[in-house]
Amino acid sequence: MVTSTEQRHQLIARAILPDPGGAGVAAISAQRWHQLAGQLCPIIGDGGFMAIYLRSLHVTRNQYTWLPQHDAIPAGAAFAALGQALRECPADAGGASTALLCTFIDTLILLIGELLTTSILREAWGDDVENHAGTELP
C-alpha cells in the first residue's frame, strides 16, 4: 500500500521533471522554489524559510555531496546556486532536486502540519501538483 508520504514524494518528483517543451530540471526546480518561497515567506518570514531550506540542503547533501553548501543568503542567490549545481550534474539533478524538495516539505509538515502544507503547495504550484491519473496532492 502506498502511503501519503510516498504519494507526495512521487508528485513532487513529477512537479520537477523536465517538461516535453524542453525546460530542464534546474530551471523547473528554481521555478518551484521561487513559487514555494513566494507563498511561505509572508507566513514564516525569509529567515524562517531559509532556516528550513538550509537544514534540508544539509540533510540532502549526505546523499548528493555536490549540492551547494552555504550560510544564510537571500533566497534568490540560494536558488541560483542550486540551479548551477543541478546544471553541472545533469545525471543526478532530478534525484537531488526531488530529494531536496521532499526533505523540505517533510520538515514543513512536521512544523505546520500536512493540511496547511498541502494547501500551501497547491497555492504555490497550482495544477502542477496534479498527477497523471488526475488525482491531486493528498
N, C-alpha and C. Protein backbone atom coordinates (compact mmCIF):
# COMPACT_ATOMS: atom_id res chain seq x y z
N MET A 1 0.83 -1.18 0.00
CA MET A 1 0.00 0.00 0.00
C MET A 1 0.88 1.25 0.00
N VAL A 2 0.57 2.19 -0.83
CA VAL A 2 1.34 3.42 -0.95
C VAL A 2 0.86 4.40 0.12
N THR A 3 1.81 4.96 0.88
CA THR A 3 1.46 5.90 1.93
C THR A 3 1.30 7.31 1.35
N SER A 4 0.71 8.19 2.15
CA SER A 4 0.55 9.57 1.68
C SER A 4 1.92 10.23 1.48
N THR A 5 2.91 9.84 2.29
CA THR A 5 4.26 10.38 2.12
C THR A 5 4.84 9.94 0.78
N GLU A 6 4.68 8.66 0.46
CA GLU A 6 5.18 8.16 -0.82
C GLU A 6 4.47 8.84 -1.99
N GLN A 7 3.16 9.01 -1.87
CA GLN A 7 2.40 9.70 -2.92
C GLN A 7 2.89 11.14 -3.09
N ARG A 8 3.09 11.81 -1.97
CA ARG A 8 3.57 13.19 -2.01
C ARG A 8 4.93 13.27 -2.68
N HIS A 9 5.83 12.35 -2.33
CA HIS A 9 7.17 12.34 -2.93
C HIS A 9 7.09 12.08 -4.43
N GLN A 10 6.20 11.21 -4.85
CA GLN A 10 6.02 10.94 -6.28
C GLN A 10 5.51 12.19 -7.01
N LEU A 11 4.58 12.88 -6.39
CA LEU A 11 4.03 14.09 -7.00
C LEU A 11 5.07 15.21 -7.06
N ILE A 12 5.90 15.30 -6.04
CA ILE A 12 6.97 16.30 -6.05
C ILE A 12 7.95 15.97 -7.18
N ALA A 13 8.28 14.71 -7.34
CA ALA A 13 9.18 14.32 -8.42
C ALA A 13 8.58 14.69 -9.78
N ARG A 14 7.29 14.43 -9.97
CA ARG A 14 6.65 14.79 -11.24
C ARG A 14 6.61 16.30 -11.45
N ALA A 15 6.52 17.05 -10.35
CA ALA A 15 6.45 18.51 -10.46
C ALA A 15 7.75 19.13 -10.93
N ILE A 16 8.87 18.40 -10.82
CA ILE A 16 10.14 18.98 -11.24
C ILE A 16 10.77 18.29 -12.44
N LEU A 17 10.17 17.21 -12.91
CA LEU A 17 10.73 16.55 -14.09
C LEU A 17 10.65 17.49 -15.28
N PRO A 18 11.63 17.42 -16.16
CA PRO A 18 11.61 18.29 -17.33
C PRO A 18 10.33 18.09 -18.14
N ASP A 19 9.80 19.20 -18.59
CA ASP A 19 8.60 19.12 -19.41
C ASP A 19 8.97 18.82 -20.85
N PRO A 20 8.00 18.33 -21.64
CA PRO A 20 8.28 18.00 -23.03
C PRO A 20 8.74 19.21 -23.85
N GLY A 21 8.42 20.41 -23.38
CA GLY A 21 8.81 21.62 -24.09
C GLY A 21 10.28 21.94 -24.00
N GLY A 22 11.02 21.27 -23.11
CA GLY A 22 12.45 21.42 -23.10
C GLY A 22 13.05 22.07 -21.86
N ALA A 23 12.27 22.56 -20.93
CA ALA A 23 12.87 23.15 -19.73
C ALA A 23 13.52 22.04 -18.92
N GLY A 24 14.72 22.30 -18.43
CA GLY A 24 15.46 21.29 -17.69
C GLY A 24 15.14 21.28 -16.22
N VAL A 25 15.69 20.30 -15.52
CA VAL A 25 15.46 20.14 -14.10
C VAL A 25 15.87 21.40 -13.34
N ALA A 26 17.01 21.98 -13.69
CA ALA A 26 17.50 23.17 -12.98
C ALA A 26 16.50 24.32 -13.09
N ALA A 27 16.00 24.57 -14.27
CA ALA A 27 15.06 25.68 -14.48
C ALA A 27 13.74 25.42 -13.76
N ILE A 28 13.23 24.21 -13.87
CA ILE A 28 11.96 23.89 -13.22
C ILE A 28 12.12 23.91 -11.70
N SER A 29 13.24 23.39 -11.21
CA SER A 29 13.49 23.40 -9.77
C SER A 29 13.52 24.83 -9.23
N ALA A 30 14.24 25.69 -9.91
CA ALA A 30 14.31 27.09 -9.48
C ALA A 30 12.91 27.72 -9.46
N GLN A 31 12.13 27.43 -10.48
CA GLN A 31 10.77 27.95 -10.55
C GLN A 31 9.94 27.44 -9.36
N ARG A 32 10.03 26.15 -9.07
CA ARG A 32 9.27 25.57 -7.96
C ARG A 32 9.69 26.19 -6.63
N TRP A 33 11.00 26.41 -6.43
CA TRP A 33 11.48 27.02 -5.19
C TRP A 33 11.01 28.46 -5.06
N HIS A 34 11.07 29.21 -6.15
CA HIS A 34 10.59 30.60 -6.11
C HIS A 34 9.10 30.65 -5.77
N GLN A 35 8.32 29.74 -6.38
CA GLN A 35 6.88 29.71 -6.11
C GLN A 35 6.60 29.36 -4.65
N LEU A 36 7.34 28.39 -4.14
CA LEU A 36 7.17 27.98 -2.75
C LEU A 36 7.57 29.10 -1.79
N ALA A 37 8.69 29.74 -2.08
CA ALA A 37 9.14 30.86 -1.24
C ALA A 37 8.13 32.00 -1.27
N GLY A 38 7.54 32.23 -2.43
CA GLY A 38 6.54 33.29 -2.55
C GLY A 38 5.34 33.07 -1.65
N GLN A 39 4.99 31.82 -1.43
CA GLN A 39 3.86 31.50 -0.56
C GLN A 39 4.25 31.44 0.92
N LEU A 40 5.45 30.93 1.20
CA LEU A 40 5.84 30.71 2.58
C LEU A 40 6.46 31.92 3.28
N CYS A 41 7.24 32.71 2.56
CA CYS A 41 7.95 33.83 3.20
C CYS A 41 7.00 34.82 3.89
N PRO A 42 5.84 35.13 3.31
CA PRO A 42 4.94 36.02 4.04
C PRO A 42 4.41 35.42 5.34
N ILE A 43 4.43 34.09 5.44
CA ILE A 43 3.90 33.40 6.62
C ILE A 43 4.99 33.20 7.68
N ILE A 44 6.14 32.66 7.26
CA ILE A 44 7.20 32.31 8.22
C ILE A 44 8.41 33.22 8.12
N GLY A 45 8.39 34.17 7.22
CA GLY A 45 9.50 35.11 7.07
C GLY A 45 10.63 34.53 6.24
N ASP A 46 11.46 35.42 5.72
CA ASP A 46 12.61 35.00 4.91
C ASP A 46 13.57 34.14 5.73
N GLY A 47 13.81 34.56 6.98
CA GLY A 47 14.71 33.81 7.85
C GLY A 47 14.19 32.42 8.16
N GLY A 48 12.90 32.30 8.41
CA GLY A 48 12.30 31.00 8.68
C GLY A 48 12.39 30.09 7.47
N PHE A 49 12.10 30.67 6.30
CA PHE A 49 12.18 29.88 5.06
C PHE A 49 13.61 29.38 4.85
N MET A 50 14.58 30.30 4.99
CA MET A 50 15.97 29.91 4.74
C MET A 50 16.47 28.92 5.78
N ALA A 51 15.99 29.00 7.01
CA ALA A 51 16.40 28.03 8.03
C ALA A 51 15.97 26.62 7.63
N ILE A 52 14.74 26.48 7.16
CA ILE A 52 14.26 25.16 6.73
C ILE A 52 14.99 24.73 5.46
N TYR A 53 15.20 25.67 4.53
CA TYR A 53 15.90 25.35 3.28
C TYR A 53 17.33 24.87 3.58
N LEU A 54 18.05 25.62 4.42
CA LEU A 54 19.44 25.25 4.72
C LEU A 54 19.52 23.91 5.44
N ARG A 55 18.58 23.65 6.34
CA ARG A 55 18.55 22.36 7.02
C ARG A 55 18.29 21.24 6.02
N SER A 56 17.36 21.47 5.12
CA SER A 56 17.04 20.47 4.09
C SER A 56 18.24 20.24 3.18
N LEU A 57 18.92 21.31 2.83
CA LEU A 57 20.11 21.21 1.98
C LEU A 57 21.20 20.41 2.69
N HIS A 58 21.39 20.68 3.97
CA HIS A 58 22.39 19.96 4.77
C HIS A 58 22.08 18.46 4.79
N VAL A 59 20.83 18.11 5.04
CA VAL A 59 20.43 16.70 5.09
C VAL A 59 20.59 16.04 3.72
N THR A 60 20.17 16.73 2.68
CA THR A 60 20.22 16.16 1.33
C THR A 60 21.65 16.02 0.83
N ARG A 61 22.56 16.87 1.32
CA ARG A 61 23.97 16.77 0.93
C ARG A 61 24.60 15.46 1.40
N ASN A 62 24.01 14.78 2.35
CA ASN A 62 24.53 13.47 2.77
C ASN A 62 24.51 12.49 1.61
N GLN A 63 23.51 12.61 0.75
CA GLN A 63 23.38 11.72 -0.40
C GLN A 63 23.95 12.35 -1.67
N TYR A 64 23.78 13.65 -1.81
CA TYR A 64 24.24 14.37 -3.01
C TYR A 64 25.27 15.40 -2.56
N THR A 65 26.50 14.95 -2.37
CA THR A 65 27.55 15.78 -1.79
C THR A 65 27.92 16.98 -2.65
N TRP A 66 27.55 16.97 -3.90
CA TRP A 66 27.88 18.05 -4.82
C TRP A 66 26.91 19.23 -4.73
N LEU A 67 25.84 19.09 -3.97
CA LEU A 67 24.91 20.21 -3.81
C LEU A 67 25.64 21.37 -3.11
N PRO A 68 25.22 22.60 -3.37
CA PRO A 68 25.94 23.74 -2.80
C PRO A 68 25.83 23.76 -1.28
N GLN A 69 26.89 24.29 -0.67
CA GLN A 69 26.90 24.47 0.78
C GLN A 69 27.18 25.94 1.04
N HIS A 70 26.29 26.57 1.78
CA HIS A 70 26.47 27.98 2.09
C HIS A 70 25.71 28.34 3.35
N ASP A 71 26.01 29.51 3.86
CA ASP A 71 25.27 30.03 5.01
C ASP A 71 24.01 30.70 4.50
N ALA A 72 23.29 31.32 5.40
CA ALA A 72 22.06 32.01 5.03
C ALA A 72 22.39 33.15 4.06
N ILE A 73 21.78 33.09 2.91
CA ILE A 73 21.90 34.11 1.88
C ILE A 73 20.48 34.37 1.36
N PRO A 74 20.28 35.43 0.61
CA PRO A 74 18.94 35.65 0.06
C PRO A 74 18.48 34.44 -0.76
N ALA A 75 17.18 34.19 -0.71
CA ALA A 75 16.61 33.02 -1.39
C ALA A 75 16.99 32.97 -2.86
N GLY A 76 16.93 34.11 -3.55
CA GLY A 76 17.27 34.13 -4.97
C GLY A 76 18.69 33.65 -5.24
N ALA A 77 19.61 34.06 -4.40
CA ALA A 77 21.01 33.62 -4.55
C ALA A 77 21.14 32.13 -4.23
N ALA A 78 20.40 31.66 -3.23
CA ALA A 78 20.44 30.23 -2.89
C ALA A 78 19.89 29.39 -4.04
N PHE A 79 18.81 29.85 -4.65
CA PHE A 79 18.22 29.10 -5.77
C PHE A 79 19.11 29.14 -7.00
N ALA A 80 19.82 30.26 -7.19
CA ALA A 80 20.77 30.35 -8.31
C ALA A 80 21.92 29.36 -8.10
N ALA A 81 22.42 29.26 -6.87
CA ALA A 81 23.50 28.31 -6.57
C ALA A 81 23.01 26.88 -6.77
N LEU A 82 21.79 26.60 -6.36
CA LEU A 82 21.21 25.27 -6.56
C LEU A 82 21.09 24.97 -8.05
N GLY A 83 20.56 25.93 -8.81
CA GLY A 83 20.41 25.73 -10.25
C GLY A 83 21.74 25.46 -10.93
N GLN A 84 22.77 26.18 -10.54
CA GLN A 84 24.10 25.97 -11.12
C GLN A 84 24.60 24.57 -10.82
N ALA A 85 24.44 24.13 -9.57
CA ALA A 85 24.87 22.78 -9.20
C ALA A 85 24.10 21.72 -9.97
N LEU A 86 22.80 21.93 -10.15
CA LEU A 86 21.98 20.96 -10.89
C LEU A 86 22.40 20.91 -12.36
N ARG A 87 22.74 22.04 -12.93
CA ARG A 87 23.20 22.06 -14.34
C ARG A 87 24.54 21.35 -14.50
N GLU A 88 25.37 21.40 -13.47
CA GLU A 88 26.69 20.78 -13.54
C GLU A 88 26.64 19.26 -13.35
N CYS A 89 25.57 18.73 -12.80
CA CYS A 89 25.42 17.29 -12.59
C CYS A 89 24.08 16.82 -13.15
N PRO A 90 23.88 16.93 -14.45
CA PRO A 90 22.55 16.63 -15.02
C PRO A 90 22.09 15.19 -14.79
N ALA A 91 23.02 14.25 -14.69
CA ALA A 91 22.60 12.85 -14.49
C ALA A 91 21.91 12.64 -13.14
N ASP A 92 22.31 13.40 -12.13
CA ASP A 92 21.74 13.26 -10.78
C ASP A 92 20.81 14.40 -10.41
N ALA A 93 20.61 15.34 -11.32
CA ALA A 93 19.85 16.55 -10.99
C ALA A 93 18.41 16.25 -10.55
N GLY A 94 17.73 15.37 -11.25
CA GLY A 94 16.35 15.06 -10.91
C GLY A 94 16.23 14.45 -9.52
N GLY A 95 17.10 13.49 -9.23
CA GLY A 95 17.07 12.84 -7.92
C GLY A 95 17.42 13.80 -6.80
N ALA A 96 18.44 14.63 -7.03
CA ALA A 96 18.85 15.58 -5.99
C ALA A 96 17.78 16.63 -5.74
N SER A 97 17.21 17.15 -6.80
CA SER A 97 16.18 18.17 -6.66
C SER A 97 14.95 17.61 -5.96
N THR A 98 14.56 16.41 -6.34
CA THR A 98 13.43 15.75 -5.70
C THR A 98 13.71 15.52 -4.22
N ALA A 99 14.90 15.00 -3.91
CA ALA A 99 15.25 14.73 -2.52
C ALA A 99 15.24 16.01 -1.68
N LEU A 100 15.76 17.10 -2.23
CA LEU A 100 15.79 18.36 -1.50
C LEU A 100 14.38 18.89 -1.24
N LEU A 101 13.55 18.88 -2.26
CA LEU A 101 12.17 19.34 -2.07
C LEU A 101 11.40 18.44 -1.11
N CYS A 102 11.58 17.13 -1.22
CA CYS A 102 10.89 16.20 -0.32
C CYS A 102 11.33 16.43 1.13
N THR A 103 12.61 16.63 1.34
CA THR A 103 13.12 16.88 2.69
C THR A 103 12.53 18.17 3.24
N PHE A 104 12.49 19.20 2.41
CA PHE A 104 11.93 20.49 2.82
C PHE A 104 10.46 20.34 3.18
N ILE A 105 9.70 19.71 2.31
CA ILE A 105 8.25 19.55 2.52
C ILE A 105 7.98 18.68 3.74
N ASP A 106 8.74 17.60 3.90
CA ASP A 106 8.55 16.73 5.06
C ASP A 106 8.84 17.49 6.36
N THR A 107 9.86 18.32 6.35
CA THR A 107 10.17 19.14 7.52
C THR A 107 9.06 20.15 7.79
N LEU A 108 8.57 20.77 6.74
CA LEU A 108 7.49 21.74 6.88
C LEU A 108 6.25 21.08 7.48
N ILE A 109 5.96 19.87 7.06
CA ILE A 109 4.81 19.14 7.58
C ILE A 109 4.96 18.90 9.08
N LEU A 110 6.17 18.58 9.51
CA LEU A 110 6.41 18.38 10.94
C LEU A 110 6.16 19.66 11.73
N LEU A 111 6.43 20.80 11.11
CA LEU A 111 6.30 22.09 11.79
C LEU A 111 4.89 22.66 11.77
N ILE A 112 4.21 22.56 10.62
CA ILE A 112 2.91 23.23 10.49
C ILE A 112 1.76 22.29 10.15
N GLY A 113 2.06 21.03 9.93
CA GLY A 113 1.02 20.06 9.63
C GLY A 113 0.84 19.81 8.15
N GLU A 114 0.28 18.64 7.86
CA GLU A 114 0.11 18.21 6.47
C GLU A 114 -0.96 19.02 5.74
N LEU A 115 -2.05 19.30 6.41
CA LEU A 115 -3.14 20.01 5.75
C LEU A 115 -2.71 21.40 5.29
N LEU A 116 -2.06 22.16 6.16
CA LEU A 116 -1.61 23.50 5.79
C LEU A 116 -0.51 23.44 4.74
N THR A 117 0.41 22.49 4.88
CA THR A 117 1.48 22.34 3.89
C THR A 117 0.91 22.02 2.52
N THR A 118 -0.05 21.11 2.47
CA THR A 118 -0.69 20.75 1.20
C THR A 118 -1.38 21.95 0.59
N SER A 119 -2.04 22.72 1.41
CA SER A 119 -2.71 23.93 0.93
C SER A 119 -1.70 24.92 0.35
N ILE A 120 -0.58 25.08 1.01
CA ILE A 120 0.48 25.98 0.52
C ILE A 120 1.05 25.48 -0.80
N LEU A 121 1.27 24.17 -0.90
CA LEU A 121 1.78 23.61 -2.16
C LEU A 121 0.80 23.83 -3.30
N ARG A 122 -0.46 23.60 -3.04
CA ARG A 122 -1.47 23.83 -4.09
C ARG A 122 -1.49 25.28 -4.53
N GLU A 123 -1.39 26.17 -3.56
CA GLU A 123 -1.39 27.61 -3.87
C GLU A 123 -0.13 27.99 -4.66
N ALA A 124 1.01 27.42 -4.27
CA ALA A 124 2.27 27.74 -4.92
C ALA A 124 2.37 27.15 -6.32
N TRP A 125 2.00 25.88 -6.45
CA TRP A 125 2.22 25.16 -7.70
C TRP A 125 0.97 24.96 -8.53
N GLY A 126 -0.18 25.26 -8.00
CA GLY A 126 -1.42 25.14 -8.76
C GLY A 126 -1.62 23.75 -9.32
N ASP A 127 -2.02 23.71 -10.57
CA ASP A 127 -2.30 22.44 -11.23
C ASP A 127 -1.06 21.60 -11.45
N ASP A 128 0.12 22.17 -11.24
CA ASP A 128 1.35 21.42 -11.46
C ASP A 128 1.54 20.29 -10.46
N VAL A 129 0.79 20.27 -9.37
CA VAL A 129 0.91 19.17 -8.41
C VAL A 129 -0.08 18.06 -8.71
N GLU A 130 -0.79 18.18 -9.81
CA GLU A 130 -1.72 17.13 -10.18
C GLU A 130 -0.96 16.00 -10.86
N ASN A 131 -1.28 14.77 -10.50
CA ASN A 131 -0.54 13.66 -11.10
C ASN A 131 -1.21 13.22 -12.42
N HIS A 132 -0.58 12.29 -13.07
CA HIS A 132 -1.05 11.85 -14.38
C HIS A 132 -2.40 11.14 -14.33
N ALA A 133 -2.77 10.62 -13.18
CA ALA A 133 -4.06 9.93 -13.07
C ALA A 133 -5.21 10.92 -12.79
N GLY A 134 -4.85 12.18 -12.60
CA GLY A 134 -5.87 13.17 -12.37
C GLY A 134 -6.21 13.39 -10.92
N THR A 135 -5.46 12.77 -10.01
CA THR A 135 -5.70 12.99 -8.58
C THR A 135 -4.72 14.02 -8.09
N GLU A 136 -5.14 14.75 -7.09
CA GLU A 136 -4.31 15.83 -6.59
C GLU A 136 -3.46 15.37 -5.41
N LEU A 137 -2.57 16.24 -5.02
CA LEU A 137 -1.73 16.01 -3.85
C LEU A 137 -2.60 15.71 -2.66
N PRO A 138 -2.31 14.64 -1.92
CA PRO A 138 -3.14 14.27 -0.78
C PRO A 138 -3.13 15.33 0.29
